[in-house]
Protein backbone atom coordinates (compact mmCIF):
# COMPACT_ATOMS: atom_id res chain seq x y z
CA MET A 1 -7.68 -23.10 6.25
CA SER A 2 -6.71 -21.07 3.19
CA SER A 3 -3.90 -18.55 3.44
CA PHE A 4 -6.34 -15.87 2.22
CA HIS A 5 -8.26 -15.91 5.51
CA SER A 6 -5.24 -16.09 7.81
CA GLY A 7 -4.57 -12.42 6.99
CA TRP A 8 -7.51 -11.31 9.13
CA MET A 9 -6.03 -12.57 12.37
CA GLU A 10 -2.33 -12.21 11.66
CA LYS A 11 -0.28 -10.68 14.44
CA ARG A 12 0.81 -7.34 13.06
CA GLN A 13 4.55 -6.84 12.92
CA PHE A 14 4.14 -3.05 12.83
CA GLU A 15 1.79 -0.80 14.74
CA ARG A 16 -0.93 0.71 12.54
CA ILE A 17 -1.70 4.42 12.70
CA ASP A 18 -5.16 5.73 11.73
CA ALA A 19 -4.44 8.15 8.89
CA THR A 20 -6.14 9.40 5.77
CA ILE A 21 -3.47 9.88 3.11
CA LYS A 22 -4.10 10.35 -0.60
CA VAL A 23 -2.66 7.67 -2.85
CA THR A 24 -2.65 6.81 -6.52
CA TYR A 25 -1.99 3.28 -7.68
CA CYS A 26 -1.50 1.24 -10.83
CA LEU A 27 -1.75 -2.50 -11.32
CA VAL A 28 1.49 -4.39 -11.73
CA PRO A 29 1.33 -7.71 -13.61
CA LYS A 30 1.89 -10.50 -11.06
CA ALA A 31 4.14 -12.47 -13.44
CA ASP A 32 6.51 -9.50 -13.75
CA LEU A 33 6.51 -9.12 -9.99
CA VAL A 34 7.43 -12.75 -9.41
CA ARG A 35 10.39 -12.25 -11.73
CA LEU A 36 11.36 -9.12 -9.77
CA LEU A 37 11.18 -10.87 -6.42
CA SER A 38 13.78 -13.36 -7.58
CA ASP A 39 16.17 -10.56 -8.57
CA PRO A 40 18.98 -10.35 -5.97
CA SER A 41 19.07 -6.53 -6.13
CA TYR A 42 15.41 -6.47 -5.11
CA ARG A 43 16.31 -7.82 -1.68
CA GLU A 44 17.96 -4.50 -0.91
CA SER A 45 14.39 -3.24 -0.46
CA SER A 46 14.64 -0.65 -3.20
CA VAL A 47 12.20 0.17 -5.96
CA ASP A 48 14.63 2.62 -7.65
CA HIS A 49 15.71 0.07 -10.21
CA LEU A 50 12.33 -1.55 -10.78
CA PRO A 51 11.21 -1.33 -14.39
CA GLU A 52 8.19 0.86 -15.07
CA LEU A 53 5.84 -2.10 -14.78
CA SER A 54 2.69 -0.13 -14.18
CA LYS A 55 2.83 2.14 -17.21
CA ARG A 56 0.48 -0.18 -19.10
CA SER A 57 -2.17 0.30 -16.42
CA ALA A 58 -4.51 3.20 -15.59
CA THR A 59 -3.88 5.34 -12.51
CA VAL A 60 -6.55 5.05 -9.81
CA HIS A 61 -7.11 7.31 -6.79
CA ALA A 62 -7.78 6.07 -3.25
CA VAL A 63 -7.07 7.03 0.38
CA THR A 64 -5.55 5.14 3.28
CA ARG A 65 -7.64 4.37 6.35
CA ASP A 66 -4.67 3.23 8.39
CA ILE A 67 -1.00 2.66 7.67
CA SER A 68 2.15 1.03 9.08
CA MET A 69 5.63 0.20 7.81
CA GLY A 70 4.28 -3.19 6.77
CA GLY A 71 1.04 -2.29 5.03
CA MET A 72 -2.15 -0.25 4.93
CA SER A 73 -5.89 -0.29 4.40
CA LEU A 74 -6.96 1.47 1.23
CA VAL A 75 -10.46 2.75 0.51
CA GLY A 76 -11.59 3.75 -2.98
CA GLN A 77 -14.48 4.04 -5.41
CA GLN A 78 -13.20 1.21 -7.60
CA GLU A 79 -12.97 -2.44 -6.72
CA PHE A 80 -9.47 -3.63 -5.82
CA PRO A 81 -8.51 -6.71 -7.83
CA ALA A 82 -7.91 -9.55 -5.37
CA ASP A 83 -4.49 -11.19 -5.33
CA SER A 84 -2.91 -8.48 -7.47
CA ALA A 85 0.21 -6.35 -7.15
CA LEU A 86 0.14 -2.54 -7.12
CA GLU A 87 2.60 0.28 -7.58
CA ILE A 88 1.41 2.83 -5.01
CA HIS A 89 2.32 6.52 -4.79
CA LEU A 90 1.70 7.77 -1.27
CA TYR A 91 1.30 11.55 -0.89
CA LEU A 92 2.40 12.26 2.68
CA PRO A 93 1.35 15.70 3.98
CA GLY A 94 4.34 18.02 4.19
CA TYR A 95 6.44 16.16 1.62
CA PRO A 96 6.71 17.50 -1.94
CA ALA A 97 7.26 14.15 -3.69
CA PRO A 98 5.20 10.99 -3.19
CA ILE A 99 6.63 7.80 -1.70
CA THR A 100 6.62 4.97 -4.24
CA LEU A 101 6.13 1.41 -3.10
CA ILE A 102 5.31 -1.98 -4.51
CA ALA A 103 2.60 -3.84 -2.62
CA GLU A 104 0.14 -6.69 -2.92
CA VAL A 105 -3.57 -6.85 -2.23
CA VAL A 106 -4.09 -9.46 0.51
CA ARG A 107 -7.83 -9.03 1.11
CA VAL A 108 -10.73 -7.08 -0.33
CA GLN A 109 -14.24 -6.15 0.78
CA SER A 110 -16.96 -3.81 -0.40
CA GLU A 111 -18.75 -1.38 1.89
CA SER A 112 -21.93 0.51 1.04
CA SER A 113 -23.40 3.56 2.71
CA ALA A 114 -26.32 5.82 1.84
CA SER A 115 -24.08 8.89 1.59
CA ALA A 116 -21.06 7.51 -0.24
CA GLY A 117 -22.63 4.71 -2.28
CA ASN A 118 -20.38 1.72 -2.83
CA THR A 119 -16.81 1.97 -1.63
CA TYR A 120 -14.19 -0.72 -1.64
CA ARG A 121 -11.58 -1.53 0.95
CA ALA A 122 -8.38 -3.50 0.56
CA GLY A 123 -5.73 -4.80 2.95
CA ILE A 124 -2.35 -4.03 1.40
CA LYS A 125 1.02 -5.58 2.25
CA ILE A 126 4.14 -3.58 1.34
CA LEU A 127 6.67 -5.63 -0.62
CA ALA A 128 9.31 -3.06 -1.60
CA ILE A 129 10.08 0.56 -0.82
CA ASN A 130 13.03 2.86 -1.50
CA ARG A 131 15.51 3.22 1.34
CA GLN A 132 15.11 7.01 1.61
CA ASP A 133 11.34 6.56 1.54
CA ILE A 134 11.52 4.11 4.47
CA VAL A 135 13.06 6.95 6.51
CA ARG A 136 10.37 9.42 5.38
CA LEU A 137 7.53 7.01 6.14
CA ASP A 138 9.03 6.10 9.50
CA LYS A 139 9.34 9.79 10.48
CA TYR A 140 5.77 10.48 9.40
CA LEU A 141 4.38 7.52 11.37
CA LEU A 142 6.33 8.49 14.47
CA ALA A 143 5.17 12.13 14.31
CA GLU A 144 1.57 11.04 13.69
CA LYS A 145 1.65 8.59 16.61
CA VAL A 146 2.88 11.35 18.94
CA ARG A 147 0.26 13.80 17.60
CA GLN A 148 -2.58 11.31 18.10
CA ARG A 149 -1.57 10.59 21.70
CA LYS A 150 -1.92 14.26 22.69
């Protein structure tokens, strides 16, 4: 069984919250990312010191369908390149600055509907996030979970 398919049934480490959040993303070259992952400072889970890898790539808009501390589902008008790395800017409601994170595309699918035409969906795994952004994302998820239970 290929590792690509195991993602469908994986036991989620983090609870997912249904949420529609605007994001922009840029492609990050996988080779550069591999080099980053071997950098000891990277293990501190910070993207502050990551080089501006994505500047060579166009910015694309999408929205989340659900999100957790470990990953998210993204839906957009453009196809997500399979097995690629992304720099994602997550625009949480109520926060002035976006959260920046480095993530990888673990699965992709296309969906078509009469009203929206073709849309594309991707399963995204978060690889790195700034420490202060972890706190912001955690607070948002907690507040959203409480709000949805009411």
